[in-house]
Protein backbone atom coordinates (compact mmCIF):
# COMPACT_ATOMS: atom_id res chain seq x y z
CA MET A 1 -48.87 -98.72 81.70
CA ILE A 2 -47.05 -95.95 83.67
CA LEU A 3 -47.05 -92.69 82.53
CA VAL A 4 -44.39 -90.02 82.86
CA THR A 5 -44.94 -86.31 82.37
CA GLY A 6 -41.85 -84.36 81.62
CA GLY A 7 -40.06 -87.70 80.50
CA ALA A 8 -37.81 -86.18 77.98
CA GLY A 9 -36.28 -83.88 80.58
CA PHE A 10 -33.67 -84.27 83.41
CA ILE A 11 -35.47 -86.04 86.16
CA GLY A 12 -38.15 -87.71 84.04
CA ALA A 13 -35.70 -89.31 81.76
CA ASN A 14 -33.56 -90.73 84.55
CA LEU A 15 -36.90 -92.01 86.16
CA ILE A 16 -37.39 -94.14 82.96
CA LYS A 17 -34.17 -95.34 82.39
CA GLY A 18 -34.53 -96.46 86.19
CA LEU A 19 -37.85 -98.03 85.89
CA ASN A 20 -36.59 -100.14 82.87
CA SER A 21 -33.84 -101.27 85.05
CA ARG A 22 -36.81 -102.84 86.87
CA SER A 23 -38.37 -104.30 83.93
CA TYR A 24 -40.76 -101.45 83.68
CA ASN A 25 -40.97 -100.90 79.88
CA ASP A 26 -44.69 -100.34 79.18
CA ILE A 27 -44.35 -96.28 79.61
CA LEU A 28 -46.12 -93.30 78.05
CA VAL A 29 -44.09 -90.41 77.91
CA VAL A 30 -45.54 -86.98 77.97
CA ASP A 31 -43.44 -83.68 76.86
CA ASP A 32 -43.10 -80.82 75.01
CA LEU A 33 -40.30 -81.38 72.22
CA SER A 34 -40.34 -77.85 71.15
CA ASP A 35 -36.55 -78.00 72.33
CA GLY A 36 -35.83 -81.04 69.91
CA HIS A 37 -32.47 -81.49 71.79
CA LYS A 38 -34.15 -83.10 74.89
CA VAL A 39 -34.80 -86.28 72.63
CA THR A 40 -30.79 -87.34 73.28
CA ASN A 41 -32.41 -88.07 77.05
CA MET A 42 -34.32 -90.71 75.82
CA VAL A 43 -32.29 -92.65 72.79
CA ASP A 44 -31.40 -95.20 75.44
CA CYS A 45 -34.80 -95.56 77.32
CA ARG A 46 -37.37 -97.93 76.45
CA ILE A 47 -40.73 -96.64 76.15
CA SER A 48 -44.17 -97.72 74.87
CA ASP A 49 -45.48 -94.52 73.60
CA TYR A 50 -45.06 -90.72 73.24
CA ILE A 51 -47.49 -87.73 73.48
CA ASP A 52 -47.19 -84.03 73.18
CA LYS A 53 -47.89 -82.18 76.18
CA ASN A 54 -50.82 -79.81 74.50
CA ASP A 55 -52.66 -83.32 72.93
CA PHE A 56 -52.48 -84.68 76.41
CA PHE A 57 -53.73 -81.38 77.52
CA ARG A 58 -57.06 -81.89 75.25
CA ILE A 59 -57.47 -85.23 76.16
CA LEU A 60 -57.49 -84.39 80.19
CA GLU A 61 -59.65 -81.53 79.29
CA SER A 62 -62.36 -83.71 77.54
CA ARG A 63 -61.94 -86.38 80.19
CA GLY A 64 -61.11 -88.98 77.26
CA SER A 65 -59.88 -92.22 77.72
CA MET A 66 -55.96 -92.83 78.79
CA GLY A 67 -56.32 -96.84 78.56
CA SER A 68 -54.94 -98.83 81.17
CA LEU A 69 -52.90 -96.32 83.41
CA GLU A 70 -51.35 -98.30 86.64
CA ALA A 71 -49.53 -94.92 87.89
CA VAL A 72 -48.26 -91.66 87.17
CA PHE A 73 -45.16 -89.93 87.64
CA HIS A 74 -45.55 -86.28 87.19
CA GLN A 75 -42.06 -84.34 86.57
CA GLY A 76 -43.43 -82.11 83.68
CA ALA A 77 -43.14 -78.29 84.65
CA CYS A 78 -41.82 -74.91 84.12
CA SER A 79 -38.67 -75.39 86.30
CA ASP A 80 -37.08 -71.97 85.44
CA THR A 81 -37.23 -70.07 88.97
CA MET A 82 -36.38 -66.82 87.10
CA GLU A 83 -39.34 -67.14 84.70
CA ALA A 84 -41.61 -63.72 85.02
CA ASP A 85 -44.50 -64.70 83.12
CA GLY A 86 -46.92 -66.02 85.87
CA ARG A 87 -49.57 -66.78 83.95
CA TYR A 88 -47.52 -69.31 82.09
CA VAL A 89 -46.15 -70.91 84.90
CA MET A 90 -49.14 -71.27 86.94
CA GLN A 91 -50.99 -72.94 84.04
CA SER A 92 -48.11 -75.26 83.63
CA ASN A 93 -47.43 -75.87 86.92
CA TYR A 94 -50.58 -75.33 88.90
CA SER A 95 -53.88 -75.77 86.65
CA TYR A 96 -51.89 -78.64 84.65
CA SER A 97 -50.88 -80.56 88.13
CA LYS A 98 -54.80 -80.36 89.31
CA GLN A 99 -55.92 -81.78 85.84
CA ILE A 100 -53.51 -84.72 86.43
CA LEU A 101 -54.87 -85.22 90.09
CA ARG A 102 -58.17 -85.46 88.61
CA LEU A 103 -57.17 -88.01 86.66
CA CYS A 104 -55.42 -90.12 88.85
CA ALA A 105 -58.14 -89.62 91.71
CA SER A 106 -60.77 -90.86 89.22
CA LEU A 107 -58.93 -94.05 88.16
CA LYS A 108 -57.84 -94.60 91.76
CA ILE A 109 -54.11 -94.92 90.74
CA PRO A 110 -50.97 -93.71 92.23
CA LEU A 111 -49.62 -90.04 91.45
CA ILE A 112 -45.96 -89.53 92.47
CA TYR A 113 -45.26 -85.76 91.64
CA ALA A 114 -42.11 -83.52 91.50
CA SER A 115 -42.61 -80.58 93.90
CA SER A 116 -39.65 -77.97 95.16
CA ALA A 117 -37.50 -77.07 98.14
CA SER A 118 -37.83 -73.89 96.64
CA VAL A 119 -41.26 -73.60 98.45
CA TYR A 120 -39.20 -72.77 101.77
CA GLY A 121 -37.68 -69.55 100.21
CA SER A 122 -34.79 -67.79 102.83
CA GLY A 123 -36.01 -70.00 105.64
CA ARG A 124 -33.66 -71.73 107.84
CA VAL A 125 -36.09 -74.64 108.49
CA PHE A 126 -36.87 -76.96 105.94
CA ARG A 127 -39.52 -78.90 107.48
CA GLU A 128 -42.74 -80.21 105.29
CA SER A 129 -45.05 -77.74 107.30
CA GLU A 130 -46.56 -74.56 106.12
CA GLU A 131 -45.01 -72.37 109.24
CA CYS A 132 -41.56 -72.97 106.93
CA GLU A 133 -42.73 -72.48 103.71
CA ARG A 134 -42.21 -68.67 102.33
CA PRO A 135 -42.06 -69.02 98.31
CA LEU A 136 -40.25 -66.15 96.63
CA ASN A 137 -40.93 -66.18 93.24
CA VAL A 138 -43.97 -67.37 91.09
CA TYR A 139 -42.13 -70.88 90.33
CA ALA A 140 -41.95 -71.57 94.06
CA TYR A 141 -45.41 -70.22 94.60
CA SER A 142 -46.85 -72.66 91.99
CA LYS A 143 -45.28 -75.86 93.56
CA TRP A 144 -46.62 -74.78 96.96
CA LEU A 145 -50.04 -74.05 95.93
CA PHE A 146 -50.22 -77.07 94.33
CA ASP A 147 -48.77 -79.11 97.48
CA ASN A 148 -51.70 -77.03 99.37
CA HIS A 149 -54.40 -78.12 97.06
CA VAL A 150 -53.06 -81.87 97.68
CA ARG A 151 -53.20 -81.18 101.49
CA SER A 152 -56.62 -80.10 101.10
CA CYS A 153 -57.82 -83.07 99.04
CA ALA A 154 -55.84 -85.70 101.63
CA ARG A 155 -59.37 -86.83 103.07
CA GLN A 156 -60.86 -87.54 100.00
CA LEU A 157 -58.38 -89.42 97.87
CA LYS A 158 -58.87 -93.15 97.79
CA SER A 159 -55.58 -93.67 96.26
CA GLN A 160 -51.77 -92.71 96.94
CA VAL A 161 -50.82 -89.27 96.28
CA VAL A 162 -46.94 -88.19 96.89
CA GLY A 163 -45.36 -85.07 96.44
CA LEU A 164 -41.40 -84.96 96.38
CA ARG A 165 -39.63 -81.91 97.07
CA TYR A 166 -36.46 -82.19 95.42
CA PHE A 167 -33.58 -80.33 96.56
CA ASN A 168 -30.59 -79.50 94.55
CA VAL A 169 -30.54 -82.38 92.15
CA TYR A 170 -27.71 -82.72 89.90
CA GLY A 171 -26.39 -85.62 87.46
CA PRO A 172 -26.87 -87.08 83.93
CA ARG A 173 -29.36 -85.93 81.24
CA GLU A 174 -29.67 -82.30 82.21
CA GLN A 175 -27.59 -80.40 79.17
CA HIS A 176 -30.82 -79.20 78.05
CA LYS A 177 -31.68 -76.95 81.04
CA GLY A 178 -29.12 -74.26 79.72
CA ARG A 179 -28.96 -71.57 82.95
CA MET A 180 -31.32 -74.01 85.06
CA ALA A 181 -28.68 -76.63 85.11
CA SER A 182 -26.89 -77.77 88.38
CA VAL A 183 -23.86 -76.09 89.61
CA ALA A 184 -22.09 -79.33 88.75
CA PHE A 185 -22.74 -79.11 85.19
CA HIS A 186 -21.45 -75.71 84.85
CA PHE A 187 -18.58 -75.98 86.91
CA TYR A 188 -17.38 -79.01 84.63
CA ASN A 189 -17.95 -76.82 81.64
CA GLN A 190 -16.05 -74.02 83.04
CA TYR A 191 -13.09 -76.16 84.16
CA THR A 192 -12.86 -77.84 80.57
CA SER A 193 -13.27 -74.63 78.76
CA CYS A 194 -11.14 -72.22 80.51
CA GLY A 195 -9.36 -74.03 83.52
CA LYS A 196 -11.11 -72.38 86.25
CA VAL A 197 -14.27 -72.76 88.03
CA ARG A 198 -15.74 -69.25 89.25
CA LEU A 199 -17.78 -69.10 92.46
CA PHE A 200 -19.65 -66.27 94.18
CA GLU A 201 -17.62 -64.13 96.70
CA GLY A 202 -19.13 -64.10 100.25
CA SER A 203 -22.67 -62.86 100.84
CA ALA A 204 -24.66 -62.38 104.12
CA GLU A 205 -22.44 -64.72 106.68
CA TYR A 206 -20.94 -66.48 104.24
CA GLU A 207 -17.16 -66.64 103.27
CA ASN A 208 -16.32 -66.83 99.35
CA GLY A 209 -17.86 -69.88 98.05
CA GLU A 210 -19.13 -70.94 101.36
CA GLN A 211 -23.13 -70.43 100.27
CA ARG A 212 -24.15 -74.29 101.15
CA ARG A 213 -26.98 -76.23 99.74
CA ASP A 214 -28.57 -79.61 99.91
CA PHE A 215 -26.84 -81.45 96.90
CA VAL A 216 -28.60 -84.55 95.82
CA TRP A 217 -27.59 -87.02 93.05
CA VAL A 218 -30.15 -87.93 90.51
CA GLY A 219 -29.66 -91.82 90.93
CA ASP A 220 -31.11 -91.28 94.47
CA VAL A 221 -33.96 -89.29 93.65
CA VAL A 222 -34.80 -91.99 91.36
CA ALA A 223 -34.52 -94.52 93.97
CA VAL A 224 -36.99 -92.51 96.25
CA ASN A 225 -39.86 -92.25 93.47
CA GLN A 226 -39.37 -95.99 92.76
CA PHE A 227 -39.82 -96.72 96.85
CA PHE A 228 -43.18 -94.70 96.64
CA LEU A 229 -44.17 -96.71 93.67
CA GLU A 230 -43.62 -100.04 95.55
CA HIS A 231 -45.20 -98.63 98.40
CA ALA A 232 -48.53 -97.72 97.77
CA ASP A 233 -50.26 -97.50 101.12
CA LYS A 234 -47.51 -94.45 101.57
CA SER A 235 -48.84 -90.87 101.08
CA GLY A 236 -47.84 -87.21 101.71
CA ILE A 237 -45.53 -84.59 101.07
CA PHE A 238 -41.82 -85.56 101.56
CA ASN A 239 -38.21 -83.95 101.32
CA VAL A 240 -36.02 -85.29 98.88
CA GLY A 241 -32.35 -84.36 100.05
CA THR A 242 -29.65 -85.94 101.50
CA GLY A 243 -30.17 -84.24 105.07
CA ARG A 244 -26.67 -82.44 104.84
CA SER A 245 -25.73 -79.06 103.38
CA GLN A 246 -22.36 -78.71 101.63
CA SER A 247 -20.39 -75.79 100.40
CA PHE A 248 -20.31 -74.72 97.04
CA ASN A 249 -16.26 -74.83 97.22
CA GLU A 250 -17.01 -78.66 97.92
CA VAL A 251 -18.61 -79.16 94.62
CA ALA A 252 -16.05 -77.20 92.73
CA ALA A 253 -13.19 -79.23 94.17
CA ALA A 254 -14.92 -82.44 93.55
CA VAL A 255 -15.24 -81.72 90.07
CA ILE A 256 -11.89 -80.41 89.48
CA ASN A 257 -10.27 -83.37 91.47
CA THR A 258 -12.42 -85.72 89.63
CA HIS A 259 -11.26 -84.18 86.30
CA ASP A 260 -7.90 -84.10 86.97
CA GLN A 261 -7.42 -87.42 89.24
CA THR A 262 -6.14 -85.37 91.99
CA SER A 263 -6.85 -84.80 95.61
CA ARG A 264 -5.80 -81.23 95.98
CA SER A 265 -7.17 -79.27 98.78
CA LEU A 266 -9.57 -76.07 98.49
CA GLN A 267 -6.59 -73.71 99.35
CA GLU A 268 -4.37 -75.25 96.59
CA LEU A 269 -7.06 -75.13 94.20
CA VAL A 270 -7.55 -71.98 94.76
CA GLU A 271 -3.44 -70.42 94.87
CA SER A 272 -3.49 -72.41 91.69
CA GLY A 273 -5.81 -70.23 90.17
CA ALA A 274 -8.46 -73.22 89.53
CA ILE A 275 -11.17 -71.83 91.83
CA ASP A 276 -11.93 -68.03 91.38
CA TYR A 277 -14.61 -65.75 93.06
CA ILE A 278 -16.53 -63.18 91.44
CA SER A 279 -18.87 -60.50 92.98
CA PHE A 280 -22.00 -61.51 93.87
CA PRO A 281 -24.93 -60.37 91.67
CA GLU A 282 -27.10 -57.66 92.62
CA ALA A 283 -30.00 -59.15 90.69
CA LEU A 284 -29.85 -62.06 93.32
CA GLU A 285 -29.84 -59.74 96.15
CA GLY A 286 -33.41 -61.08 98.34
CA LYS A 287 -34.05 -63.92 96.08
CA TYR A 288 -30.94 -66.53 96.67
CA GLN A 289 -31.01 -69.35 98.89
CA SER A 290 -27.55 -69.22 100.51
CA TYR A 291 -28.67 -72.27 102.66
CA THR A 292 -30.78 -75.36 102.35
CA GLN A 293 -30.81 -78.52 104.22
CA ALA A 294 -33.32 -81.04 103.89
CA ASP A 295 -35.14 -82.01 107.21
CA ILE A 296 -36.02 -85.92 105.79
CA THR A 297 -37.49 -87.40 108.78
CA ALA A 298 -40.72 -87.83 107.26
CA LEU A 299 -38.99 -89.63 104.25
CA ARG A 300 -37.42 -91.87 106.93
CA ASN A 301 -40.47 -92.32 108.89
CA ALA A 302 -42.20 -93.39 105.61
CA GLY A 303 -39.35 -96.48 105.44
CA TYR A 304 -37.10 -94.98 103.08
CA SER A 305 -33.62 -96.04 104.66
CA ASN A 306 -30.89 -95.90 101.78
CA ALA A 307 -28.22 -93.80 102.19
CA PHE A 308 -27.87 -90.77 99.91
CA ALA A 309 -24.45 -89.98 98.29
CA THR A 310 -22.49 -87.16 99.41
CA VAL A 311 -21.50 -84.42 96.66
CA GLU A 312 -18.08 -86.20 96.58
CA GLU A 313 -19.51 -89.56 95.43
CA GLY A 314 -22.18 -88.40 93.86
CA VAL A 315 -19.95 -85.71 91.56
CA ARG A 316 -17.37 -88.42 90.85
CA GLN A 317 -20.21 -90.30 89.18
CA TYR A 318 -21.58 -87.45 87.19
CA VAL A 319 -17.76 -86.50 86.03
CA GLU A 320 -17.14 -89.60 84.87
CA TRP A 321 -20.34 -89.90 82.87
CA ARG A 322 -19.82 -86.72 81.09
CA SER A 323 -16.17 -87.55 80.55
CA ALA A 324 -17.26 -90.72 79.03
CA THR A 325 -20.16 -89.31 77.17
CA GLY A 326 -19.20 -85.69 76.25
CA PHE A 327 -22.81 -84.60 77.37
């Protein structure tokens, strides 16, 4: 049996769907369905059982039996980078993760867990090395601290432990995330509701809409997770991004052109009013990553050789999925 925490969430549900496609159906999902809307992410997934997060906590704390587990994908977390309740974030993302690590170490089974590119803060070098890591908020700090805990335990661990630092992931099954959903999700909603996409005006050295991120298609994230499940001899902390940065303008253009089945240039989209620029929010000054680009050297050296979708390729798939499903 494979355990997936956060299995009703964005990446977790896509991961289950990917495991199903490879005939893994004996899957135990752990999640918090206080927001019952998340259940729609799993309706087309095959799982063997579900357990509430609080019940799972109690099993971990009591060192109770979890049956015949083969591996754990730990995707569950408080993913709100603006969450101010540090105690809640640290409990959910750090303490909880340490308990899961202890479980996997005691059973000598693989643990593949979600870290985050937010650990790099406002730095310009995105390499899995402590001198590049400067978390700017408690969410990023919780992820960074657990990564360091894993590093400190590495020599004592007898089974696979892999931390995956996700960059800006987008794709199906993220509709429950609200303001924390991807920009591709929000741009699609804006365009279908009012006929235009709103982007930030220039900030720092960036022109209007030219802030750049490493946007990664969720299907590629699933493929990386599956790679490590199938290569249990590989452990470590790895960036999961495309290795290229693309602008918010490019994401907006891909959303609009796919929706309208056109190929208009950025200038044409701006001149037509399909793209509009709004003032950069003061609340985000000093807290905003205007540039990210994953260094995926370590991932490639581990043997992962698949190509990553460009924004144009991934957004096209996403918009087509949203248009077809209504989500």
